[in-house]
Amino acid sequence: MNEIGLSPIDGGIIIIYLVGIIWYGIKKGKQKTSEDYFLAGRNMIWPIVGISLFAANIGSNTLIGLTSEAYNTNLAVYNYEWMAAVVLVFFAIFFLPFYLRSKVYTMPEFLERRYDSRSRYYFSTITIIGNVIIDTASGLYAGNLILKIIFPELDSTIIILILAGAAAAYTIPGGLSSVVHTEVIQALLLFASSMVLTYFCFSEVGGWSGMMAGLESLQPQGKGPDEILSLVRPLESEYMPWTGLLFGVPLLGFYFWANNQFMVQRVLSAKDINHGRWGAIFAGLLKLPVLFFMVIPGVIAIVIFSGMDISALNYHMKTEAGEVLCTDLADCPNMTYPLLIYSLLPTGLLGIVIAGLLAAMSSSISATLNSSSTLITMDFVKAIKPDMTSKQLVRTGQIATLVLVLLAAAWAPQIDRFGSLFDYLQIILGLIAPPIVAVFVMGLFWKRANGHGAIAGLSGGFILAIFIILSSVFDWVPALNEIHFLHKAPLLMLAVILIQMLVSLTTAPPAEEKVDDMVWSIKIFRAETKELEGLPWFKNYRILSILLLVVTAVIVIWFW
């Protein structure tokens, strides 16, 4: 393998893009009022909401993670993507109306209205920590993987700080409006660059038939093409048993799309409930082509790079013996995407694709920075000083963003210790998500759920999650450690539900007037049915949801 480098043309394209997107983000910023800064004035139309949701989700961490997991574990990683379409339909039907009608700024604020302030502050704290160590830090880590190849002499800390500064440059002054508008540009660039890479991948192996023939001849890990390109795995699968797909993956998706502040915040910016719903469904549709543009290239990499010496990437793995130069892609799958783009793309296109990757990184980082600063400002600072003006709230949010990006930059280098980037994201999410999802679901569908039950469930879930982590580190309960994390997540959620039910039933019920407008009922469904009468099919979100589910089912069945 030849030494890898970047031509002046590619470097110029990347610099022009970075300068241009920062300028555009600042230009589109809004900060006259706190609603402008944190929710873009609640005036976003459905295409922008949908594209923004997609772009915030497909950051550089997800893109690199998808490709590396496709190389490592094959097509099963796509289950996280198509499941998003199902979750977003559920979100649009049940949760979204309550979020928008309540006019809240944050998801913890919604929990306070349904339960009490204890749940709000617990969830705010957990969300802020999660946004920093999961989303922002992993985005910076992924960007570092790309640029470290170009600038091997630069320390990773310096690269991460530069990336953090670029993302924060328009997020701090412009708020959510800057974030959402730049995400539209970045999503388009990301999609275009992903299609370009897919084209070159297929060209390299001779199309779909060439890929299949290559997999058949290699038989990686003793698996043929049919097994590699299968979504549904047997119960004994180490990566994703079918029970984990059925119970664990939807749970993680539900937290990410329906409860996570940095995703839901985009829907809260919608001009009305219809645009919010259409935007959510559109985002679900955009997730489906990810199979062909982001997952399949990782499978093709098996054919192209199997057994190849990749020491030219100059990537060093952290091991117990110290840093070791990576020579085989199987030992450092996080480098799958960088290896594909540097090996296959010609001058000019390489610069555009790297710009697309940096676009993905800045999208996800900007999203999490803005949502976390919203939580700090609206859930903590405003509660302590309720008389603060809108200008003061905006300034507080900007300071919070700066602090958060520095914390994320400090944590990002530690991700190397966890092996696969995608494993890092999913395993941590699998412990954070269950208590939150349980409390939201119980609050929406069970009137008897009260504040005491909610905080007991959240606290109990947190204690159990910590115990699970410590058990895996110190091997306290070997049987527990052997349980797949996609099984641990639903079991943890079930435990939280039982705790919440027990405590709620043994304490006073919530006030009737408190829960009347916060709990779903069949009356809401019937009233909504009347509202939808007479609408053309393309404006009826129920029909659009059914169409999305049908398309999703066709893809899943095809690759079953």
Protein backbone atom coordinates (compact mmCIF):
# COMPACT_ATOMS: atom_id res chain seq x y z
CA MET A 1 0.00 0.00 0.00
CA ASN A 2 1.41 3.38 -1.05
CA GLU A 3 1.94 6.22 1.40
CA ILE A 4 -1.20 8.28 1.86
CA GLY A 5 -1.29 12.04 1.57
CA LEU A 6 -3.47 15.00 0.66
CA SER A 7 -2.94 17.12 -2.46
CA PRO A 8 -3.00 20.95 -2.31
CA ILE A 9 -6.28 20.90 -4.26
CA ASP A 10 -7.95 18.66 -1.67
CA GLY A 11 -6.56 20.76 1.15
CA GLY A 12 -7.85 23.94 -0.49
CA ILE A 13 -11.34 22.47 -0.87
CA ILE A 14 -11.45 21.52 2.82
CA ILE A 15 -10.30 24.97 3.95
CA ILE A 16 -12.79 26.75 1.67
CA TYR A 17 -15.60 24.56 3.01
CA LEU A 18 -14.73 25.16 6.67
CA VAL A 19 -14.50 28.92 6.23
CA GLY A 20 -17.70 28.99 4.17
CA ILE A 21 -19.79 26.95 6.60
CA ILE A 22 -18.68 29.03 9.59
CA TRP A 23 -19.58 32.23 7.71
CA TYR A 24 -22.96 30.82 6.66
CA GLY A 25 -23.72 29.59 10.19
CA ILE A 26 -22.99 32.97 11.74
CA LYS A 27 -25.06 34.71 9.08
CA LYS A 28 -28.09 32.50 9.78
CA GLY A 29 -27.85 32.83 13.55
CA LYS A 30 -30.66 34.19 15.72
CA GLN A 31 -30.17 35.55 19.22
CA LYS A 32 -32.64 38.40 19.73
CA THR A 33 -34.60 36.35 22.28
CA SER A 34 -34.00 33.12 24.18
CA GLU A 35 -36.63 31.40 21.98
CA ASP A 36 -34.71 32.53 18.89
CA TYR A 37 -31.40 31.28 20.25
CA PHE A 38 -32.49 27.95 21.72
CA LEU A 39 -35.42 26.98 19.43
CA ALA A 40 -34.81 29.00 16.24
CA GLY A 41 -37.98 31.02 16.89
CA ARG A 42 -40.16 27.85 16.57
CA ASN A 43 -40.57 28.60 12.88
CA MET A 44 -38.90 25.72 11.00
CA ILE A 45 -40.71 23.99 8.10
CA TRP A 46 -40.79 20.19 7.69
CA PRO A 47 -37.95 19.68 5.13
CA ILE A 48 -35.52 21.57 7.34
CA VAL A 49 -36.70 19.72 10.45
CA GLY A 50 -36.29 16.35 8.72
CA ILE A 51 -32.91 17.06 7.18
CA SER A 52 -31.70 18.57 10.44
CA LEU A 53 -32.74 15.44 12.36
CA PHE A 54 -30.93 13.25 9.85
CA ALA A 55 -27.78 15.38 9.79
CA ALA A 56 -27.59 15.59 13.59
CA ASN A 57 -27.85 11.79 13.75
CA ILE A 58 -25.42 10.90 10.94
CA GLY A 59 -22.39 12.61 12.38
CA SER A 60 -18.84 11.57 11.66
CA ASN A 61 -18.96 9.23 14.67
CA THR A 62 -21.98 7.38 13.26
CA LEU A 63 -20.61 7.35 9.71
CA ILE A 64 -17.25 5.93 10.75
CA GLY A 65 -18.97 3.63 13.24
CA LEU A 66 -21.38 2.23 10.64
CA THR A 67 -18.63 1.49 8.15
CA SER A 68 -16.33 -0.09 10.72
CA GLU A 69 -19.13 -2.25 12.15
CA ALA A 70 -20.14 -3.33 8.64
CA TYR A 71 -16.55 -4.46 8.11
CA ASN A 72 -16.47 -6.14 11.52
CA THR A 73 -19.98 -7.56 11.92
CA ASN A 74 -21.46 -7.08 8.45
CA LEU A 75 -24.99 -5.92 7.58
CA ALA A 76 -26.54 -6.38 11.04
CA VAL A 77 -25.44 -2.87 12.05
CA TYR A 78 -28.08 -1.50 9.65
CA ASN A 79 -30.75 -2.67 12.10
CA TYR A 80 -30.07 0.48 14.13
CA GLU A 81 -30.84 2.57 11.05
CA TRP A 82 -34.09 1.06 9.73
CA MET A 83 -35.45 0.80 13.27
CA ALA A 84 -35.23 4.60 13.43
CA ALA A 85 -38.02 4.82 10.85
CA VAL A 86 -40.30 2.69 13.04
CA VAL A 87 -39.43 4.67 16.18
CA LEU A 88 -40.02 8.02 14.46
CA VAL A 89 -43.50 6.91 13.37
CA PHE A 90 -44.31 6.02 16.98
CA PHE A 91 -42.82 9.33 18.09
CA ALA A 92 -44.90 11.32 15.58
CA ILE A 93 -48.13 9.60 16.62
CA PHE A 94 -47.84 9.58 20.40
CA PHE A 95 -45.14 11.85 21.81
CA LEU A 96 -44.74 14.76 19.43
CA PRO A 97 -48.21 16.32 20.01
CA PHE A 98 -47.59 16.55 23.77
CA TYR A 99 -44.13 18.03 23.31
CA LEU A 100 -45.25 20.77 20.93
CA ARG A 101 -48.48 21.69 22.71
CA SER A 102 -46.68 22.06 26.02
CA LYS A 103 -44.37 24.74 24.50
CA VAL A 104 -41.40 23.44 26.49
CA TYR A 105 -37.78 24.21 25.72
CA THR A 106 -36.36 20.91 26.98
CA MET A 107 -37.29 17.28 27.56
CA PRO A 108 -36.50 17.54 31.29
CA GLU A 109 -38.90 20.50 31.46
CA PHE A 110 -41.58 18.19 30.02
CA LEU A 111 -40.82 15.61 32.73
CA GLU A 112 -41.31 18.27 35.38
CA ARG A 113 -44.77 19.10 34.02
CA ARG A 114 -45.72 15.43 34.03
CA TYR A 115 -44.04 14.53 37.34
CA ASP A 116 -42.04 17.04 39.39
CA SER A 117 -38.78 19.00 39.52
CA ARG A 118 -36.75 16.05 40.84
CA SER A 119 -37.19 14.13 37.60
CA ARG A 120 -36.37 17.25 35.60
CA TYR A 121 -33.03 17.90 37.24
CA TYR A 122 -32.00 14.25 37.26
CA PHE A 123 -32.71 13.89 33.55
CA SER A 124 -31.01 17.22 32.74
CA THR A 125 -27.85 16.13 34.50
CA ILE A 126 -27.76 12.69 32.84
CA THR A 127 -28.47 14.21 29.40
CA ILE A 128 -25.72 16.81 29.68
CA ILE A 129 -23.18 14.18 30.74
CA GLY A 130 -24.33 11.86 27.95
CA ASN A 131 -24.15 14.59 25.31
CA VAL A 132 -20.60 15.44 26.29
CA ILE A 133 -19.10 11.93 26.63
CA ILE A 134 -21.16 10.16 23.94
CA ASP A 135 -22.09 12.54 21.15
CA THR A 136 -19.72 15.51 21.24
CA ALA A 137 -16.59 13.64 22.31
CA SER A 138 -17.14 10.79 19.82
CA GLY A 139 -17.66 13.30 17.01
CA LEU A 140 -14.35 14.96 17.81
CA TYR A 141 -12.69 11.55 18.07
CA ALA A 142 -13.96 10.55 14.62
CA GLY A 143 -12.75 13.79 13.06
CA ASN A 144 -9.35 13.20 14.61
CA LEU A 145 -9.14 9.76 12.95
CA ILE A 146 -9.43 11.42 9.54
CA LEU A 147 -7.10 14.36 10.06
CA LYS A 148 -4.45 12.43 11.99
CA ILE A 149 -3.66 10.57 8.76
CA ILE A 150 -3.04 13.87 6.96
CA PHE A 151 -1.13 15.49 9.81
CA PRO A 152 0.61 12.61 11.66
CA GLU A 153 3.06 15.00 13.27
CA LEU A 154 0.26 16.91 15.01
CA ASP A 155 -0.76 15.76 18.48
CA SER A 156 -4.34 14.42 18.63
CA THR A 157 -5.20 16.95 21.33
CA ILE A 158 -4.32 19.82 19.00
CA ILE A 159 -6.43 18.35 16.16
CA ILE A 160 -9.40 17.82 18.50
CA LEU A 161 -9.18 21.40 19.79
CA ILE A 162 -9.12 22.74 16.22
CA LEU A 163 -12.17 20.67 15.30
CA ALA A 164 -13.98 21.75 18.46
CA GLY A 165 -13.21 25.39 17.71
CA ALA A 166 -14.54 25.10 14.16
CA ALA A 167 -17.84 23.58 15.32
CA ALA A 168 -18.24 26.06 18.16
CA ALA A 169 -17.39 29.07 15.97
CA TYR A 170 -20.97 29.43 14.69
CA THR A 171 -22.84 27.46 17.38
CA ILE A 172 -21.88 29.87 20.18
CA PRO A 173 -22.91 33.13 18.44
CA GLY A 174 -25.87 31.84 16.41
CA GLY A 175 -27.67 29.18 18.47
CA LEU A 176 -30.10 26.61 17.06
CA SER A 177 -30.90 28.64 13.95
CA SER A 178 -27.23 28.50 12.92
CA VAL A 179 -27.09 24.81 13.71
CA VAL A 180 -30.23 23.86 11.76
CA HIS A 181 -29.43 25.91 8.64
CA THR A 182 -25.87 24.63 8.40
CA GLU A 183 -27.11 21.08 8.92
CA VAL A 184 -29.16 21.30 5.73
CA ILE A 185 -26.03 22.15 3.72
CA GLN A 186 -23.99 19.54 5.54
CA ALA A 187 -26.58 16.79 5.06
CA LEU A 188 -26.68 17.38 1.32
CA LEU A 189 -22.89 17.31 1.11
CA LEU A 190 -22.73 14.20 3.27
CA PHE A 191 -25.26 12.35 1.14
CA ALA A 192 -23.50 13.36 -2.08
CA SER A 193 -20.06 12.35 -0.80
CA SER A 194 -21.42 9.02 0.48
CA MET A 195 -22.90 8.24 -2.94
CA VAL A 196 -19.57 9.11 -4.59
CA LEU A 197 -17.70 6.75 -2.27
CA THR A 198 -20.23 3.95 -2.86
CA TYR A 199 -19.77 4.34 -6.62
CA PHE A 200 -15.99 4.00 -6.35
CA CYS A 201 -16.33 1.04 -3.98
CA PHE A 202 -18.51 -0.87 -6.42
CA SER A 203 -16.25 0.13 -9.31
CA GLU A 204 -13.27 -1.30 -7.46
CA VAL A 205 -14.84 -4.74 -6.97
CA GLY A 206 -16.84 -4.97 -10.22
CA GLY A 207 -20.32 -4.12 -9.01
CA TRP A 208 -22.71 -6.12 -6.83
CA SER A 209 -21.81 -9.43 -8.50
CA GLY A 210 -18.12 -8.72 -7.96
CA MET A 211 -18.73 -8.01 -4.28
CA MET A 212 -20.67 -11.26 -3.89
CA ALA A 213 -17.98 -13.24 -5.71
CA GLY A 214 -15.27 -11.70 -3.53
CA LEU A 215 -17.15 -12.54 -0.33
CA GLU A 216 -17.75 -16.07 -1.58
CA SER A 217 -14.06 -16.64 -2.24
CA LEU A 218 -12.84 -15.04 0.99
CA GLN A 219 -15.43 -16.55 3.35
CA PRO A 220 -14.43 -14.01 6.09
CA GLN A 221 -14.80 -15.45 9.60
CA GLY A 222 -16.19 -18.58 7.95
CA LYS A 223 -19.27 -16.73 6.66
CA GLY A 224 -20.66 -16.75 3.13
CA PRO A 225 -22.32 -13.79 1.32
CA ASP A 226 -25.84 -14.72 2.43
CA GLU A 227 -24.88 -14.65 6.11
CA ILE A 228 -22.84 -11.46 5.74
CA LEU A 229 -25.75 -9.67 4.05
CA SER A 230 -28.34 -10.89 6.57
CA LEU A 231 -30.04 -8.46 8.98
CA VAL A 232 -31.65 -10.98 11.34
CA ARG A 233 -29.14 -13.06 13.28
CA PRO A 234 -29.65 -16.24 15.36
CA LEU A 235 -30.03 -16.20 19.13
CA GLU A 236 -26.41 -17.21 19.66
CA SER A 237 -25.07 -14.24 17.64
CA GLU A 238 -22.38 -12.35 19.55
CA TYR A 239 -23.18 -9.07 17.82
CA MET A 240 -26.98 -8.86 17.62
CA PRO A 241 -29.18 -11.84 18.54
CA TRP A 242 -32.70 -11.57 17.12
CA THR A 243 -34.08 -11.03 20.63
CA GLY A 244 -31.76 -8.04 21.02
CA LEU A 245 -33.04 -6.69 17.70
CA LEU A 246 -36.64 -7.14 18.85
CA PHE A 247 -36.33 -5.65 22.35
CA GLY A 248 -33.00 -3.85 22.73
CA VAL A 249 -32.56 -1.90 19.48
CA PRO A 250 -36.03 -0.22 19.62
CA LEU A 251 -35.35 0.84 23.21
CA LEU A 252 -32.07 2.56 22.29
CA GLY A 253 -33.73 4.12 19.26
CA PHE A 254 -36.63 5.38 21.31
CA TYR A 255 -34.33 7.17 23.74
CA PHE A 256 -32.25 8.64 20.94
CA TRP A 257 -35.13 9.92 18.78
CA ALA A 258 -37.98 10.56 21.23
CA ASN A 259 -36.34 11.54 24.54
CA ASN A 260 -32.89 12.89 23.71
CA GLN A 261 -32.80 16.68 23.93
CA PHE A 262 -30.41 17.25 21.03
CA MET A 263 -32.69 15.35 18.61
CA VAL A 264 -36.12 16.41 19.89
CA GLN A 265 -34.99 20.04 20.03
CA ARG A 266 -35.13 20.13 16.24
CA VAL A 267 -38.78 19.08 16.27
CA LEU A 268 -39.55 21.62 18.99
CA SER A 269 -38.41 24.27 16.50
CA ALA A 270 -41.16 23.28 14.00
CA LYS A 271 -43.71 25.98 13.17
CA ASP A 272 -46.65 23.69 14.02
CA ILE A 273 -47.53 20.08 14.79
CA ASN A 274 -47.97 19.11 11.13
CA HIS A 275 -44.52 20.34 10.15
CA GLY A 276 -43.08 18.55 13.18
CA ARG A 277 -44.72 15.28 12.17
CA TRP A 278 -43.86 15.56 8.50
CA GLY A 279 -40.27 16.40 9.45
CA ALA A 280 -39.98 13.35 11.72
CA ILE A 281 -41.37 11.04 9.01
CA PHE A 282 -39.05 12.59 6.41
CA ALA A 283 -36.08 11.92 8.71
CA GLY A 284 -37.17 8.29 8.97
CA LEU A 285 -37.24 8.07 5.17
CA LEU A 286 -33.75 9.54 4.90
CA LYS A 287 -32.41 6.82 7.22
CA LEU A 288 -33.29 4.00 4.82
CA PRO A 289 -30.73 4.70 2.00
CA VAL A 290 -27.98 4.62 4.63
CA LEU A 291 -27.82 0.88 3.89
CA PHE A 292 -26.44 1.47 0.40
CA PHE A 293 -24.35 4.61 0.96
CA MET A 294 -22.78 4.01 4.38
CA VAL A 295 -23.12 0.34 5.38
CA ILE A 296 -22.47 -1.55 2.12
CA PRO A 297 -19.09 0.22 1.59
CA GLY A 298 -17.95 -1.34 4.87
CA VAL A 299 -18.86 -4.78 3.53
CA ILE A 300 -17.04 -4.05 0.27
CA ALA A 301 -13.97 -3.13 2.32
CA ILE A 302 -13.76 -6.79 3.36
CA VAL A 303 -13.16 -7.70 -0.28
CA ILE A 304 -10.76 -4.84 -1.01
CA PHE A 305 -8.56 -4.78 2.09
CA SER A 306 -8.58 -8.32 3.48
CA GLY A 307 -5.00 -9.17 4.42
CA MET A 308 -3.61 -5.82 3.20
CA ASP A 309 -0.83 -4.05 5.10
CA ILE A 310 -2.28 -0.66 6.14
CA SER A 311 0.73 0.66 8.02
CA ALA A 312 0.81 3.64 5.59
CA LEU A 313 -2.16 5.05 7.48
CA ASN A 314 0.24 5.61 10.38
CA TYR A 315 -2.52 4.79 12.87
CA HIS A 316 -1.36 3.70 16.32
CA MET A 317 -3.59 1.59 18.56
CA LYS A 318 -3.53 1.89 22.34
CA THR A 319 -2.70 -1.48 23.92
CA GLU A 320 -1.60 -2.61 27.38
CA ALA A 321 1.97 -2.60 26.09
CA GLY A 322 1.63 0.97 24.75
CA GLU A 323 0.89 2.39 21.30
CA VAL A 324 1.37 -0.05 18.43
CA LEU A 325 1.28 0.70 14.69
CA CYS A 326 -1.80 -0.83 13.09
CA THR A 327 -0.94 -3.06 10.12
CA ASP A 328 -4.18 -5.04 9.65
CA LEU A 329 -7.63 -3.46 9.31
CA ALA A 330 -9.16 -6.31 11.33
CA ASP A 331 -7.25 -5.01 14.36
CA CYS A 332 -8.38 -1.39 13.97
CA PRO A 333 -11.78 -1.40 12.17
CA ASN A 334 -12.36 2.28 13.06
CA MET A 335 -10.02 3.06 10.17
CA THR A 336 -12.28 1.39 7.55
CA TYR A 337 -13.87 4.61 6.30
CA PRO A 338 -10.60 6.62 6.24
CA LEU A 339 -8.89 3.78 4.37
CA LEU A 340 -11.68 3.64 1.77
CA ILE A 341 -11.62 7.34 0.98
CA TYR A 342 -7.83 7.73 0.93
CA SER A 343 -7.35 4.61 -1.21
CA LEU A 344 -10.15 4.93 -3.76
CA LEU A 345 -10.94 8.59 -4.35
CA PRO A 346 -9.08 10.78 -6.88
CA THR A 347 -7.79 14.28 -6.21
CA GLY A 348 -10.58 16.80 -5.82
CA LEU A 349 -13.21 14.26 -4.90
CA LEU A 350 -11.15 13.28 -1.87
CA GLY A 351 -11.27 16.86 -0.63
CA ILE A 352 -15.04 17.05 -1.15
CA VAL A 353 -15.64 13.78 0.72
CA ILE A 354 -13.41 14.80 3.63
CA ALA A 355 -15.30 18.08 3.71
CA GLY A 356 -18.50 16.01 3.85
CA LEU A 357 -17.13 14.02 6.76
CA LEU A 358 -16.14 17.18 8.59
CA ALA A 359 -19.65 18.44 7.82
CA ALA A 360 -21.08 15.39 9.54
CA MET A 361 -18.82 15.94 12.51
CA SER A 362 -19.71 19.59 12.91
CA SER A 363 -23.43 18.79 12.56
CA SER A 364 -23.50 16.34 15.42
CA ILE A 365 -21.19 18.41 17.62
CA SER A 366 -23.15 21.61 17.03
CA ALA A 367 -26.38 19.77 17.79
CA THR A 368 -25.20 18.41 21.11
CA LEU A 369 -23.49 21.63 22.16
CA ASN A 370 -26.61 23.68 21.54
CA SER A 371 -28.94 21.22 23.26
CA SER A 372 -26.67 20.87 26.30
CA SER A 373 -26.33 24.62 26.65
CA THR A 374 -30.14 24.84 26.44
CA LEU A 375 -30.46 22.36 29.30
CA ILE A 376 -27.94 24.18 31.48
CA THR A 377 -29.53 27.56 30.81
CA MET A 378 -33.24 26.69 30.96
CA ASP A 379 -33.20 23.86 33.51
CA PHE A 380 -30.60 25.14 35.97
CA VAL A 381 -29.60 28.78 35.57
CA LYS A 382 -33.10 30.08 34.90
CA ALA A 383 -34.42 28.08 37.87
CA ILE A 384 -31.85 29.73 40.14
CA LYS A 385 -32.35 33.21 38.63
CA PRO A 386 -35.87 33.33 37.16
CA ASP A 387 -35.71 37.09 36.59
CA MET A 388 -32.91 36.88 33.99
CA THR A 389 -33.59 38.69 30.71
CA SER A 390 -33.55 36.96 27.32
CA LYS A 391 -30.19 38.58 26.54
CA GLN A 392 -28.71 37.25 29.77
CA LEU A 393 -30.06 33.77 29.05
CA VAL A 394 -28.48 33.82 25.60
CA ARG A 395 -25.13 34.91 27.07
CA THR A 396 -25.34 32.11 29.64
CA GLY A 397 -26.01 29.60 26.85
CA GLN A 398 -22.96 30.82 24.93
CA ILE A 399 -20.69 30.48 27.96
CA ALA A 400 -22.09 27.02 28.67
CA THR A 401 -21.37 25.97 25.07
CA LEU A 402 -17.73 27.03 25.40
CA VAL A 403 -17.27 25.09 28.65
CA LEU A 404 -18.94 21.97 27.25
CA VAL A 405 -16.86 21.87 24.09
CA LEU A 406 -13.67 22.06 26.16
CA LEU A 407 -14.84 19.19 28.38
CA ALA A 408 -15.71 17.08 25.33
CA ALA A 409 -12.31 17.82 23.78
CA ALA A 410 -10.63 16.66 27.00
CA TRP A 411 -12.57 13.36 27.04
CA ALA A 412 -12.37 12.50 23.31
CA PRO A 413 -8.84 10.96 23.36
CA GLN A 414 -10.01 8.44 26.00
CA ILE A 415 -12.43 6.77 23.54
CA ASP A 416 -9.48 4.95 21.98
CA ARG A 417 -9.42 2.74 25.07
CA PHE A 418 -12.85 1.27 24.29
CA GLY A 419 -11.99 -0.46 20.97
CA SER A 420 -14.77 -0.05 18.39
CA LEU A 421 -16.31 3.42 18.24
CA PHE A 422 -19.77 2.00 17.56
CA ASP A 423 -19.51 -0.38 20.52
CA TYR A 424 -18.57 2.57 22.72
CA LEU A 425 -21.65 4.49 21.57
CA GLN A 426 -24.16 1.64 21.90
CA ILE A 427 -22.98 0.09 25.17
CA ILE A 428 -22.99 3.38 27.07
CA LEU A 429 -26.33 4.31 25.53
CA GLY A 430 -27.66 0.90 26.57
CA LEU A 431 -27.14 1.82 30.22
CA ILE A 432 -28.28 5.46 30.05
CA ALA A 433 -31.44 4.91 28.00
CA PRO A 434 -33.61 2.32 29.83
CA PRO A 435 -34.56 4.35 32.95
CA ILE A 436 -35.36 7.43 30.84
CA VAL A 437 -37.48 5.54 28.31
CA ALA A 438 -39.36 3.74 31.08
CA VAL A 439 -40.31 6.96 32.85
CA PHE A 440 -41.40 8.70 29.63
CA VAL A 441 -43.49 5.74 28.45
CA MET A 442 -45.15 5.23 31.83
CA GLY A 443 -45.89 8.93 32.08
CA LEU A 444 -47.54 9.02 28.68
CA PHE A 445 -49.70 5.91 29.00
CA TRP A 446 -50.41 5.47 32.74
CA LYS A 447 -52.28 8.16 34.67
CA ARG A 448 -51.39 6.65 38.04
CA ALA A 449 -47.64 7.23 37.53
CA ASN A 450 -46.54 9.97 39.94
CA GLY A 451 -43.45 11.98 40.79
CA HIS A 452 -42.35 9.67 43.62
CA GLY A 453 -42.48 6.68 41.31
CA ALA A 454 -40.59 8.53 38.57
CA ILE A 455 -37.66 9.60 40.73
CA ALA A 456 -37.54 6.16 42.37
CA GLY A 457 -37.39 4.53 38.93
CA LEU A 458 -34.73 6.92 37.65
CA SER A 459 -32.60 6.58 40.79
CA GLY A 460 -33.01 2.80 40.93
CA GLY A 461 -32.14 2.51 37.25
CA PHE A 462 -29.02 4.62 37.76
CA ILE A 463 -27.86 2.46 40.67
CA LEU A 464 -28.48 -0.73 38.70
CA ALA A 465 -26.61 0.69 35.67
CA ILE A 466 -23.60 1.57 37.85
CA PHE A 467 -23.68 -1.92 39.33
CA ILE A 468 -23.71 -3.47 35.85
CA ILE A 469 -20.70 -1.36 34.82
CA LEU A 470 -18.73 -2.21 37.96
CA SER A 471 -19.63 -5.88 37.64
CA SER A 472 -18.19 -5.93 34.12
CA VAL A 473 -14.99 -4.26 35.36
CA PHE A 474 -14.47 -6.30 38.56
CA ASP A 475 -16.35 -9.46 37.50
CA TRP A 476 -18.67 -9.36 40.50
CA VAL A 477 -21.46 -11.38 38.85
CA PRO A 478 -20.05 -13.49 35.98
CA ALA A 479 -23.52 -14.58 34.84
CA LEU A 480 -24.58 -10.94 34.53
CA ASN A 481 -21.50 -10.07 32.52
CA GLU A 482 -22.30 -12.78 30.00
CA ILE A 483 -25.68 -11.24 29.17
CA HIS A 484 -25.64 -9.36 25.85
CA PHE A 485 -25.93 -5.59 26.29
CA LEU A 486 -29.01 -5.59 24.00
CA HIS A 487 -30.61 -7.93 26.54
CA LYS A 488 -29.40 -5.96 29.56
CA ALA A 489 -31.09 -2.78 28.30
CA PRO A 490 -34.68 -4.15 28.17
CA LEU A 491 -34.19 -6.04 31.45
CA LEU A 492 -33.02 -2.81 33.07
CA MET A 493 -36.03 -0.99 31.65
CA LEU A 494 -38.37 -3.67 33.02
CA ALA A 495 -36.79 -3.30 36.47
CA VAL A 496 -37.32 0.47 36.36
CA ILE A 497 -40.97 0.04 35.32
CA LEU A 498 -41.57 -2.32 38.26
CA ILE A 499 -39.94 0.11 40.68
CA GLN A 500 -41.97 3.02 39.32
CA MET A 501 -45.24 1.07 39.48
CA LEU A 502 -44.63 -0.15 43.02
CA VAL A 503 -43.75 3.28 44.39
CA SER A 504 -46.55 5.03 42.45
CA LEU A 505 -49.17 2.59 43.73
CA THR A 506 -48.05 2.95 47.35
CA THR A 507 -48.04 6.76 47.31
CA ALA A 508 -50.67 9.38 46.55
CA PRO A 509 -51.86 9.61 42.93
CA PRO A 510 -51.04 12.74 40.91
CA ALA A 511 -53.61 15.54 40.74
CA GLU A 512 -56.19 14.92 38.02
CA GLU A 513 -55.68 18.34 36.46
CA LYS A 514 -51.91 17.72 36.28
CA VAL A 515 -52.18 14.60 34.13
CA ASP A 516 -55.33 15.24 32.05
CA ASP A 517 -53.43 16.96 29.24
CA MET A 518 -50.25 14.90 29.61
CA VAL A 519 -51.51 11.33 29.15
CA TRP A 520 -52.53 9.78 25.84
CA SER A 521 -56.07 8.45 25.48
CA ILE A 522 -58.33 7.09 22.74
CA LYS A 523 -60.24 10.38 22.87
CA ILE A 524 -57.18 12.15 21.51
CA PHE A 525 -56.96 9.67 18.65
CA ARG A 526 -60.64 10.15 17.74
CA ALA A 527 -60.42 13.94 17.87
CA GLU A 528 -57.35 13.83 15.65
CA THR A 529 -59.16 11.56 13.17
CA LYS A 530 -61.78 14.26 12.65
CA GLU A 531 -59.07 16.88 12.13
CA LEU A 532 -57.46 14.76 9.41
CA GLU A 533 -60.69 14.25 7.47
CA GLY A 534 -60.61 15.94 4.08
CA LEU A 535 -56.83 16.35 3.99
CA PRO A 536 -55.10 15.10 0.81
CA TRP A 537 -53.15 11.90 1.38
CA PHE A 538 -49.77 13.58 1.12
CA LYS A 539 -50.65 15.83 4.07
CA ASN A 540 -52.11 13.08 6.24
CA TYR A 541 -49.27 11.98 8.48
CA ARG A 542 -50.96 8.63 9.19
CA ILE A 543 -50.93 7.66 5.52
CA LEU A 544 -47.33 8.89 5.20
CA SER A 545 -46.40 6.81 8.27
CA ILE A 546 -47.94 3.67 6.77
CA LEU A 547 -46.08 4.23 3.49
CA LEU A 548 -42.79 4.66 5.38
CA LEU A 549 -43.38 1.45 7.35
CA VAL A 550 -44.18 -0.46 4.14
CA VAL A 551 -40.95 0.69 2.45
CA THR A 552 -39.02 -0.22 5.61
CA ALA A 553 -40.60 -3.67 5.72
CA VAL A 554 -39.69 -4.34 2.08
CA ILE A 555 -36.01 -3.56 2.76
CA VAL A 556 -35.91 -5.66 5.94
CA ILE A 557 -37.59 -8.64 4.30
CA TRP A 558 -35.29 -8.38 1.26
CA PHE A 559 -32.18 -8.63 3.46
CA TRP A 560 -33.69 -10.87 6.11
